[in-house]
Structure formats: structure tokens, C-alpha cells
Amino acid sequence: MKRTTAGIIVVLVVVAAVAGYLIELAIVANGGFAFAPPVSLPITLTAIAIVIVALAVPVRRRVTGKRKDRLDPFYAVRVAVLAKSSSLTGALLTGFGAGIIAHALSLPILNGDLLGRGIAQTVGAALLLTAGLVAERMCTLPPDKSDPGSPSDPTAGGSHV
């Protein structure tokens, strides 16, 4: 499994922002009420972000050698996959929230509730995106020093656990 790149994150954010804006526009143009994310969404996204980083901490401690007990490879892979999926989901929700904000700002009369909920969703989703990337980094093996083909850059990182 390869690490999440900045390019895919940017693409997902932009596509989701355009989709969020167009969905909001279509709903309002057809006489419906604009979609306002529930208040519980940013709280839930923040809680998930905290849990993801907390799950990755034991993997990082065992990989760096701070804990000597055996690392369960299935646990490590599950945490790495959860981190990657969280970063991608966070990118999509960040973009969708940005689309909601753009739509709220384009309305002739500013809807403060819609704008506030869109900002809250975007912040919560950005936290999930960041936590996913941090946890993914924590589940990465350091480069092997004995491997002659290993990169000389210590920040390049190795493969996932």
C-alpha cells in the first residue's frame, strides 16, 4: 500500500467542493431547503480523528523500538488502512464543506446558520484528514539502513507496516 499523496488529496477536495456547490445549487434551484450539515457531524469527525491517532500510537511505539513486545501485523495493517481511508474521507468531506460555504456566501441574503455549519464541517473534516495522514505516517516503517538501495533521505520513509 502506498502512502497518500498530496495530489490525490487536492483532487478529492476540489472535486468534492464543486460537487457540494452544485448539489446545494440544484437543491435550492428546485425549491428545496439548502442542505445544512448536522451539528453532530464535526463533533463525530473530531472524535474519529482522535481515535485514529490513538490507535496508531502503539504501532509507532513498537516500530521505533520504544516497546519491545511483538507487533501484531494484522492490527498494524488495519490501522494503516483505517488511516488511509480516513485521510481520503476527510478530503472529500473537507471539499464538500467548502462547497457548502461557497454556496452560503453566494446567496443574496447571508444564512449564518448554513455558513456556520459549513465551516464547522470543514474544520472537523480537515482534522480527520490531518489525523489520517499523521496516523498513516505513524504506521510507516523507517527506511532500512542495511539495504543498499534505501534512499539517503531519512524523511523519505519506508513501506507501511
N, C-alpha and C. Protein backbone atom coordinates (compact mmCIF):
# COMPACT_ATOMS: atom_id res chain seq x y z
N MET A 1 0.85 -1.17 0.00
CA MET A 1 0.00 0.00 0.00
C MET A 1 0.90 1.23 0.00
N LYS A 2 0.60 2.15 -0.89
CA LYS A 2 1.40 3.36 -0.98
C LYS A 2 0.78 4.45 -0.12
N ARG A 3 1.63 5.36 0.30
CA ARG A 3 1.16 6.47 1.12
C ARG A 3 0.30 7.42 0.30
N THR A 4 -0.58 8.11 0.97
CA THR A 4 -1.45 9.07 0.32
C THR A 4 -0.63 10.28 -0.12
N THR A 5 -0.80 10.67 -1.37
CA THR A 5 -0.04 11.79 -1.90
C THR A 5 -0.86 13.08 -1.82
N ALA A 6 -0.18 14.19 -1.91
CA ALA A 6 -0.86 15.48 -1.86
C ALA A 6 -1.72 15.69 -3.10
N GLY A 7 -1.31 15.14 -4.22
CA GLY A 7 -2.07 15.29 -5.45
C GLY A 7 -3.46 14.71 -5.37
N ILE A 8 -3.58 13.50 -4.83
CA ILE A 8 -4.90 12.88 -4.72
C ILE A 8 -5.77 13.63 -3.73
N ILE A 9 -5.16 14.16 -2.68
CA ILE A 9 -5.93 14.92 -1.70
C ILE A 9 -6.48 16.20 -2.33
N VAL A 10 -5.64 16.90 -3.08
CA VAL A 10 -6.08 18.13 -3.74
C VAL A 10 -7.20 17.84 -4.73
N VAL A 11 -7.05 16.77 -5.51
CA VAL A 11 -8.08 16.41 -6.49
C VAL A 11 -9.40 16.10 -5.79
N LEU A 12 -9.34 15.33 -4.72
CA LEU A 12 -10.57 14.98 -3.99
C LEU A 12 -11.23 16.21 -3.39
N VAL A 13 -10.44 17.12 -2.83
CA VAL A 13 -11.01 18.33 -2.23
C VAL A 13 -11.68 19.19 -3.30
N VAL A 14 -11.03 19.37 -4.43
CA VAL A 14 -11.58 20.22 -5.49
C VAL A 14 -12.85 19.59 -6.08
N VAL A 15 -12.81 18.30 -6.38
CA VAL A 15 -13.98 17.63 -6.95
C VAL A 15 -15.15 17.67 -5.97
N ALA A 16 -14.89 17.42 -4.70
CA ALA A 16 -15.97 17.44 -3.71
C ALA A 16 -16.49 18.85 -3.49
N ALA A 17 -15.64 19.87 -3.58
CA ALA A 17 -16.10 21.25 -3.41
C ALA A 17 -17.03 21.64 -4.55
N VAL A 18 -16.65 21.28 -5.76
CA VAL A 18 -17.51 21.58 -6.91
C VAL A 18 -18.83 20.81 -6.80
N ALA A 19 -18.74 19.54 -6.42
CA ALA A 19 -19.96 18.75 -6.27
C ALA A 19 -20.84 19.30 -5.15
N GLY A 20 -20.25 19.69 -4.04
CA GLY A 20 -21.04 20.26 -2.94
C GLY A 20 -21.74 21.54 -3.34
N TYR A 21 -21.03 22.39 -4.05
CA TYR A 21 -21.63 23.64 -4.51
C TYR A 21 -22.78 23.37 -5.48
N LEU A 22 -22.55 22.48 -6.44
CA LEU A 22 -23.57 22.20 -7.44
C LEU A 22 -24.79 21.49 -6.83
N ILE A 23 -24.58 20.62 -5.88
CA ILE A 23 -25.70 19.95 -5.20
C ILE A 23 -26.53 20.97 -4.43
N GLU A 24 -25.86 21.84 -3.69
CA GLU A 24 -26.57 22.90 -2.97
C GLU A 24 -27.36 23.78 -3.94
N LEU A 25 -26.73 24.14 -5.03
CA LEU A 25 -27.37 24.99 -6.02
C LEU A 25 -28.59 24.30 -6.64
N ALA A 26 -28.45 23.02 -6.94
CA ALA A 26 -29.57 22.26 -7.53
C ALA A 26 -30.73 22.12 -6.55
N ILE A 27 -30.43 21.89 -5.29
CA ILE A 27 -31.50 21.75 -4.29
C ILE A 27 -32.27 23.05 -4.15
N VAL A 28 -31.56 24.16 -4.03
CA VAL A 28 -32.20 25.46 -3.86
C VAL A 28 -32.93 25.89 -5.13
N ALA A 29 -32.36 25.58 -6.29
CA ALA A 29 -32.99 25.96 -7.55
C ALA A 29 -34.31 25.20 -7.78
N ASN A 30 -34.43 24.03 -7.22
CA ASN A 30 -35.66 23.25 -7.35
C ASN A 30 -36.65 23.51 -6.22
N GLY A 31 -36.41 24.56 -5.44
CA GLY A 31 -37.35 24.97 -4.40
C GLY A 31 -37.15 24.31 -3.05
N GLY A 32 -36.09 23.58 -2.87
CA GLY A 32 -35.83 22.92 -1.60
C GLY A 32 -35.02 23.80 -0.67
N PHE A 33 -34.86 23.31 0.53
CA PHE A 33 -34.02 24.00 1.52
C PHE A 33 -32.58 23.55 1.33
N ALA A 34 -31.66 24.47 1.52
CA ALA A 34 -30.25 24.15 1.40
C ALA A 34 -29.86 23.11 2.45
N PHE A 35 -28.99 22.20 2.06
CA PHE A 35 -28.52 21.17 2.97
C PHE A 35 -27.58 21.78 3.99
N ALA A 36 -27.95 21.65 5.24
CA ALA A 36 -27.09 22.11 6.33
C ALA A 36 -26.60 20.88 7.09
N PRO A 37 -25.29 20.68 7.18
CA PRO A 37 -24.79 19.51 7.92
C PRO A 37 -25.25 19.54 9.37
N PRO A 38 -25.54 18.37 9.94
CA PRO A 38 -25.96 18.35 11.34
C PRO A 38 -24.84 18.83 12.26
N VAL A 39 -25.24 19.34 13.42
CA VAL A 39 -24.28 19.85 14.40
C VAL A 39 -23.38 18.73 14.91
N SER A 40 -23.89 17.51 14.93
CA SER A 40 -23.11 16.39 15.46
C SER A 40 -22.00 15.94 14.52
N LEU A 41 -22.05 16.34 13.25
CA LEU A 41 -21.05 15.87 12.28
C LEU A 41 -19.63 16.31 12.64
N PRO A 42 -19.35 17.60 12.88
CA PRO A 42 -17.97 17.96 13.22
C PRO A 42 -17.50 17.35 14.53
N ILE A 43 -18.41 17.16 15.46
CA ILE A 43 -18.05 16.52 16.74
C ILE A 43 -17.64 15.07 16.49
N THR A 44 -18.41 14.38 15.67
CA THR A 44 -18.11 12.99 15.35
C THR A 44 -16.80 12.86 14.58
N LEU A 45 -16.59 13.75 13.61
CA LEU A 45 -15.35 13.71 12.83
C LEU A 45 -14.13 13.95 13.71
N THR A 46 -14.25 14.87 14.66
CA THR A 46 -13.15 15.14 15.58
C THR A 46 -12.88 13.94 16.48
N ALA A 47 -13.95 13.30 16.96
CA ALA A 47 -13.79 12.12 17.81
C ALA A 47 -13.12 10.98 17.05
N ILE A 48 -13.51 10.79 15.80
CA ILE A 48 -12.89 9.74 14.97
C ILE A 48 -11.42 10.06 14.75
N ALA A 49 -11.09 11.33 14.54
CA ALA A 49 -9.70 11.72 14.34
C ALA A 49 -8.86 11.39 15.57
N ILE A 50 -9.39 11.65 16.74
CA ILE A 50 -8.67 11.34 17.98
C ILE A 50 -8.46 9.85 18.13
N VAL A 51 -9.49 9.06 17.82
CA VAL A 51 -9.39 7.61 17.95
C VAL A 51 -8.36 7.04 16.97
N ILE A 52 -8.32 7.57 15.76
CA ILE A 52 -7.38 7.06 14.75
C ILE A 52 -5.94 7.27 15.20
N VAL A 53 -5.65 8.45 15.71
CA VAL A 53 -4.28 8.72 16.18
C VAL A 53 -3.98 7.85 17.40
N ALA A 54 -4.95 7.67 18.28
CA ALA A 54 -4.74 6.83 19.46
C ALA A 54 -4.48 5.38 19.07
N LEU A 55 -5.12 4.90 18.01
CA LEU A 55 -4.87 3.54 17.55
C LEU A 55 -3.50 3.39 16.91
N ALA A 56 -2.98 4.45 16.33
CA ALA A 56 -1.68 4.38 15.65
C ALA A 56 -0.50 4.53 16.61
N VAL A 57 -0.72 5.07 17.78
CA VAL A 57 0.39 5.29 18.73
C VAL A 57 1.06 3.97 19.13
N PRO A 58 0.32 2.90 19.49
CA PRO A 58 1.02 1.65 19.83
C PRO A 58 1.83 1.07 18.68
N VAL A 59 1.34 1.23 17.46
CA VAL A 59 2.09 0.74 16.29
C VAL A 59 3.40 1.50 16.18
N ARG A 60 3.34 2.81 16.34
CA ARG A 60 4.56 3.62 16.22
C ARG A 60 5.56 3.28 17.32
N ARG A 61 5.07 3.05 18.53
CA ARG A 61 5.99 2.71 19.63
C ARG A 61 6.71 1.39 19.38
N ARG A 62 6.01 0.44 18.79
CA ARG A 62 6.65 -0.84 18.52
C ARG A 62 7.59 -0.75 17.33
N VAL A 63 7.23 0.04 16.34
CA VAL A 63 8.08 0.18 15.15
C VAL A 63 9.38 0.89 15.49
N THR A 64 9.32 1.91 16.34
CA THR A 64 10.52 2.66 16.70
C THR A 64 11.35 1.97 17.77
N GLY A 65 10.82 0.92 18.38
CA GLY A 65 11.56 0.18 19.37
C GLY A 65 11.36 0.65 20.80
N LYS A 66 10.44 1.55 21.04
CA LYS A 66 10.19 2.02 22.40
C LYS A 66 9.47 0.97 23.24
N ARG A 67 8.78 0.06 22.56
CA ARG A 67 8.17 -1.09 23.23
C ARG A 67 8.73 -2.34 22.58
N LYS A 68 9.07 -3.30 23.40
CA LYS A 68 9.76 -4.49 22.90
C LYS A 68 8.81 -5.65 22.59
N ASP A 69 7.56 -5.58 23.02
CA ASP A 69 6.67 -6.71 22.76
C ASP A 69 6.34 -6.78 21.27
N ARG A 70 5.83 -7.92 20.87
CA ARG A 70 5.61 -8.23 19.46
C ARG A 70 4.47 -7.38 18.89
N LEU A 71 4.65 -6.92 17.67
CA LEU A 71 3.63 -6.16 16.97
C LEU A 71 2.74 -7.11 16.18
N ASP A 72 1.44 -7.06 16.42
CA ASP A 72 0.50 -7.87 15.66
C ASP A 72 0.38 -7.27 14.26
N PRO A 73 0.80 -7.98 13.24
CA PRO A 73 0.78 -7.41 11.89
C PRO A 73 -0.62 -7.10 11.39
N PHE A 74 -1.60 -7.91 11.79
CA PHE A 74 -2.98 -7.64 11.36
C PHE A 74 -3.50 -6.34 11.94
N TYR A 75 -3.17 -6.09 13.20
CA TYR A 75 -3.57 -4.83 13.83
C TYR A 75 -2.92 -3.64 13.11
N ALA A 76 -1.65 -3.77 12.82
CA ALA A 76 -0.93 -2.69 12.16
C ALA A 76 -1.50 -2.40 10.77
N VAL A 77 -1.83 -3.44 10.04
CA VAL A 77 -2.40 -3.25 8.70
C VAL A 77 -3.78 -2.62 8.79
N ARG A 78 -4.56 -3.06 9.76
CA ARG A 78 -5.90 -2.47 9.92
C ARG A 78 -5.82 -0.99 10.27
N VAL A 79 -4.90 -0.64 11.12
CA VAL A 79 -4.74 0.77 11.48
C VAL A 79 -4.25 1.58 10.28
N ALA A 80 -3.34 1.03 9.50
CA ALA A 80 -2.84 1.74 8.32
C ALA A 80 -3.94 1.94 7.29
N VAL A 81 -4.77 0.92 7.08
CA VAL A 81 -5.88 1.05 6.12
C VAL A 81 -6.91 2.04 6.64
N LEU A 82 -7.20 2.00 7.93
CA LEU A 82 -8.13 2.95 8.52
C LEU A 82 -7.60 4.38 8.40
N ALA A 83 -6.30 4.56 8.58
CA ALA A 83 -5.70 5.89 8.45
C ALA A 83 -5.81 6.39 7.02
N LYS A 84 -5.53 5.54 6.06
CA LYS A 84 -5.61 5.95 4.65
C LYS A 84 -7.04 6.29 4.27
N SER A 85 -7.98 5.45 4.67
CA SER A 85 -9.38 5.73 4.33
C SER A 85 -9.88 6.98 5.03
N SER A 86 -9.39 7.24 6.22
CA SER A 86 -9.79 8.46 6.93
C SER A 86 -9.25 9.70 6.26
N SER A 87 -8.03 9.62 5.75
CA SER A 87 -7.48 10.80 5.06
C SER A 87 -8.25 11.07 3.78
N LEU A 88 -8.63 10.04 3.05
CA LEU A 88 -9.39 10.24 1.82
C LEU A 88 -10.81 10.73 2.11
N THR A 89 -11.44 10.16 3.13
CA THR A 89 -12.77 10.61 3.52
C THR A 89 -12.73 12.04 4.03
N GLY A 90 -11.71 12.36 4.80
CA GLY A 90 -11.55 13.73 5.29
C GLY A 90 -11.38 14.72 4.15
N ALA A 91 -10.66 14.31 3.10
CA ALA A 91 -10.50 15.19 1.94
C ALA A 91 -11.83 15.43 1.24
N LEU A 92 -12.62 14.37 1.08
CA LEU A 92 -13.93 14.52 0.44
C LEU A 92 -14.86 15.41 1.26
N LEU A 93 -14.90 15.19 2.56
CA LEU A 93 -15.79 15.98 3.41
C LEU A 93 -15.31 17.42 3.56
N THR A 94 -14.01 17.64 3.52
CA THR A 94 -13.48 19.00 3.53
C THR A 94 -13.92 19.75 2.29
N GLY A 95 -13.79 19.10 1.15
CA GLY A 95 -14.22 19.72 -0.09
C GLY A 95 -15.72 19.98 -0.12
N PHE A 96 -16.50 19.03 0.35
CA PHE A 96 -17.95 19.21 0.36
C PHE A 96 -18.34 20.37 1.27
N GLY A 97 -17.68 20.47 2.42
CA GLY A 97 -17.93 21.60 3.31
C GLY A 97 -17.54 22.92 2.68
N ALA A 98 -16.46 22.93 1.91
CA ALA A 98 -16.05 24.15 1.21
C ALA A 98 -17.09 24.54 0.16
N GLY A 99 -17.69 23.55 -0.48
CA GLY A 99 -18.76 23.82 -1.44
C GLY A 99 -19.98 24.41 -0.77
N ILE A 100 -20.30 23.92 0.43
CA ILE A 100 -21.42 24.48 1.19
C ILE A 100 -21.12 25.93 1.58
N ILE A 101 -19.90 26.18 2.01
CA ILE A 101 -19.50 27.56 2.37
C ILE A 101 -19.60 28.47 1.15
N ALA A 102 -19.10 28.00 0.01
CA ALA A 102 -19.16 28.82 -1.21
C ALA A 102 -20.61 29.12 -1.59
N HIS A 103 -21.48 28.14 -1.45
CA HIS A 103 -22.89 28.38 -1.77
C HIS A 103 -23.53 29.35 -0.77
N ALA A 104 -23.21 29.19 0.50
CA ALA A 104 -23.78 30.09 1.52
C ALA A 104 -23.32 31.53 1.29
N LEU A 105 -22.09 31.70 0.86
CA LEU A 105 -21.58 33.05 0.60
C LEU A 105 -22.14 33.65 -0.69
N SER A 106 -22.63 32.81 -1.60
CA SER A 106 -23.17 33.31 -2.86
C SER A 106 -24.66 33.67 -2.77
N LEU A 107 -25.29 33.35 -1.67
CA LEU A 107 -26.72 33.67 -1.51
C LEU A 107 -26.91 35.17 -1.36
N PRO A 108 -28.03 35.69 -1.86
CA PRO A 108 -28.26 37.14 -1.73
C PRO A 108 -28.41 37.59 -0.27
N ILE A 109 -28.99 36.74 0.55
CA ILE A 109 -29.11 37.02 1.98
C ILE A 109 -28.27 35.98 2.71
N LEU A 110 -27.32 36.45 3.49
CA LEU A 110 -26.39 35.54 4.16
C LEU A 110 -27.12 34.70 5.20
N ASN A 111 -27.00 33.40 5.08
CA ASN A 111 -27.59 32.46 6.03
C ASN A 111 -26.50 32.06 7.01
N GLY A 112 -26.53 32.67 8.18
CA GLY A 112 -25.47 32.44 9.16
C GLY A 112 -25.42 31.02 9.68
N ASP A 113 -26.59 30.37 9.81
CA ASP A 113 -26.62 29.00 10.31
C ASP A 113 -25.97 28.06 9.29
N LEU A 114 -26.32 28.23 8.03
CA LEU A 114 -25.74 27.39 6.99
C LEU A 114 -24.24 27.61 6.88
N LEU A 115 -23.82 28.85 6.94
CA LEU A 115 -22.39 29.17 6.87
C LEU A 115 -21.64 28.59 8.07
N GLY A 116 -22.19 28.76 9.26
CA GLY A 116 -21.54 28.23 10.46
C GLY A 116 -21.42 26.72 10.44
N ARG A 117 -22.48 26.04 10.01
CA ARG A 117 -22.43 24.58 9.94
C ARG A 117 -21.45 24.11 8.85
N GLY A 118 -21.38 24.85 7.75
CA GLY A 118 -20.42 24.50 6.71
C GLY A 118 -18.99 24.67 7.18
N ILE A 119 -18.74 25.74 7.92
CA ILE A 119 -17.39 25.97 8.47
C ILE A 119 -17.05 24.89 9.49
N ALA A 120 -18.02 24.54 10.34
CA ALA A 120 -17.78 23.50 11.34
C ALA A 120 -17.48 22.16 10.68
N GLN A 121 -18.24 21.84 9.63
CA GLN A 121 -17.97 20.58 8.93
C GLN A 121 -16.59 20.60 8.29
N THR A 122 -16.23 21.69 7.69
CA THR A 122 -14.93 21.79 7.02
C THR A 122 -13.79 21.65 8.02
N VAL A 123 -13.93 22.27 9.18
CA VAL A 123 -12.88 22.17 10.20
C VAL A 123 -12.79 20.74 10.73
N GLY A 124 -13.93 20.13 11.04
CA GLY A 124 -13.93 18.74 11.52
C GLY A 124 -13.36 17.78 10.50
N ALA A 125 -13.71 17.98 9.23
CA ALA A 125 -13.19 17.12 8.18
C ALA A 125 -11.69 17.34 7.96
N ALA A 126 -11.24 18.58 8.10
CA ALA A 126 -9.80 18.85 7.97
C ALA A 126 -9.03 18.18 9.11
N LEU A 127 -9.63 18.15 10.30
CA LEU A 127 -9.00 17.43 11.42
C LEU A 127 -8.92 15.94 11.12
N LEU A 128 -9.98 15.38 10.54
CA LEU A 128 -9.96 13.97 10.17
C LEU A 128 -8.90 13.69 9.11
N LEU A 129 -8.81 14.57 8.13
CA LEU A 129 -7.79 14.44 7.08
C LEU A 129 -6.39 14.47 7.68
N THR A 130 -6.15 15.43 8.56
CA THR A 130 -4.83 15.55 9.19
C THR A 130 -4.52 14.35 10.06
N ALA A 131 -5.49 13.91 10.85
CA ALA A 131 -5.27 12.75 11.71
C ALA A 131 -5.00 11.50 10.89
N GLY A 132 -5.70 11.34 9.77
CA GLY A 132 -5.44 10.20 8.90
C GLY A 132 -4.04 10.21 8.35
N LEU A 133 -3.57 11.38 7.94
CA LEU A 133 -2.20 11.47 7.41
C LEU A 133 -1.16 11.23 8.49
N VAL A 134 -1.42 11.76 9.70
CA VAL A 134 -0.48 11.54 10.81
C VAL A 134 -0.44 10.07 11.19
N ALA A 135 -1.60 9.44 11.28
CA ALA A 135 -1.64 8.02 11.65
C ALA A 135 -1.01 7.16 10.56
N GLU A 136 -1.20 7.54 9.31
CA GLU A 136 -0.57 6.82 8.21
C GLU A 136 0.95 6.93 8.30
N ARG A 137 1.42 8.09 8.66
CA ARG A 137 2.86 8.30 8.84
C ARG A 137 3.39 7.48 10.03
N MET A 138 2.58 7.38 11.07
CA MET A 138 2.98 6.62 12.25
C MET A 138 3.06 5.12 11.97
N CYS A 139 2.32 4.66 10.99
CA CYS A 139 2.32 3.24 10.64
C CYS A 139 3.32 2.91 9.53
N THR A 140 4.21 3.82 9.23
CA THR A 140 5.21 3.61 8.20
C THR A 140 6.51 3.13 8.82
N LEU A 141 7.08 2.11 8.22
CA LEU A 141 8.35 1.61 8.71
C LEU A 141 9.46 2.58 8.34
N PRO A 142 10.43 2.77 9.23
CA PRO A 142 11.58 3.62 8.87
C PRO A 142 12.40 2.93 7.80
N PRO A 143 13.15 3.71 7.00
CA PRO A 143 13.96 3.08 5.96
C PRO A 143 15.01 2.15 6.57
N ASP A 144 15.28 1.07 5.88
CA ASP A 144 16.23 0.08 6.35
C ASP A 144 17.64 0.58 6.08
N LYS A 145 18.46 0.68 7.12
CA LYS A 145 19.83 1.20 6.98
C LYS A 145 20.74 0.20 6.27
N SER A 146 20.47 -1.11 6.41
CA SER A 146 21.35 -2.11 5.82
C SER A 146 21.06 -2.34 4.34
N ASP A 147 19.93 -1.84 3.85
CA ASP A 147 19.56 -2.04 2.46
C ASP A 147 20.36 -1.08 1.58
N PRO A 148 21.15 -1.59 0.63
CA PRO A 148 21.96 -0.69 -0.21
C PRO A 148 21.09 0.17 -1.13
N GLY A 149 19.86 -0.24 -1.41
CA GLY A 149 19.01 0.54 -2.29
C GLY A 149 18.12 1.52 -1.56
N SER A 150 18.33 1.66 -0.24
CA SER A 150 17.47 2.57 0.52
C SER A 150 17.84 4.02 0.23
N PRO A 151 16.86 4.90 0.26
CA PRO A 151 17.16 6.31 -0.01
C PRO A 151 17.98 6.91 1.12
N SER A 152 18.81 7.87 0.77
CA SER A 152 19.65 8.51 1.79
C SER A 152 18.87 9.55 2.58
N ASP A 153 17.68 9.93 2.10
CA ASP A 153 16.85 10.92 2.79
C ASP A 153 16.09 10.22 3.91
N PRO A 154 16.32 10.59 5.19
CA PRO A 154 15.64 9.90 6.28
C PRO A 154 14.16 10.25 6.34
N THR A 155 13.72 11.33 5.70
CA THR A 155 12.30 11.68 5.73
C THR A 155 11.52 10.95 4.63
N ALA A 156 12.20 10.20 3.78
CA ALA A 156 11.51 9.53 2.69
C ALA A 156 10.58 8.45 3.22
N GLY A 157 10.92 7.82 4.34
CA GLY A 157 10.07 6.81 4.95
C GLY A 157 10.10 5.52 4.16
N GLY A 158 9.72 4.47 4.82
CA GLY A 158 9.70 3.17 4.19
C GLY A 158 8.29 2.78 3.82
N SER A 159 8.08 1.48 3.76
CA SER A 159 6.75 0.99 3.42
C SER A 159 5.90 0.93 4.68
N HIS A 160 4.60 0.70 4.47
CA HIS A 160 3.71 0.57 5.61
C HIS A 160 4.00 -0.73 6.34
N VAL A 161 3.61 -0.75 7.59
CA VAL A 161 3.81 -1.93 8.42
C VAL A 161 3.01 -3.07 7.86
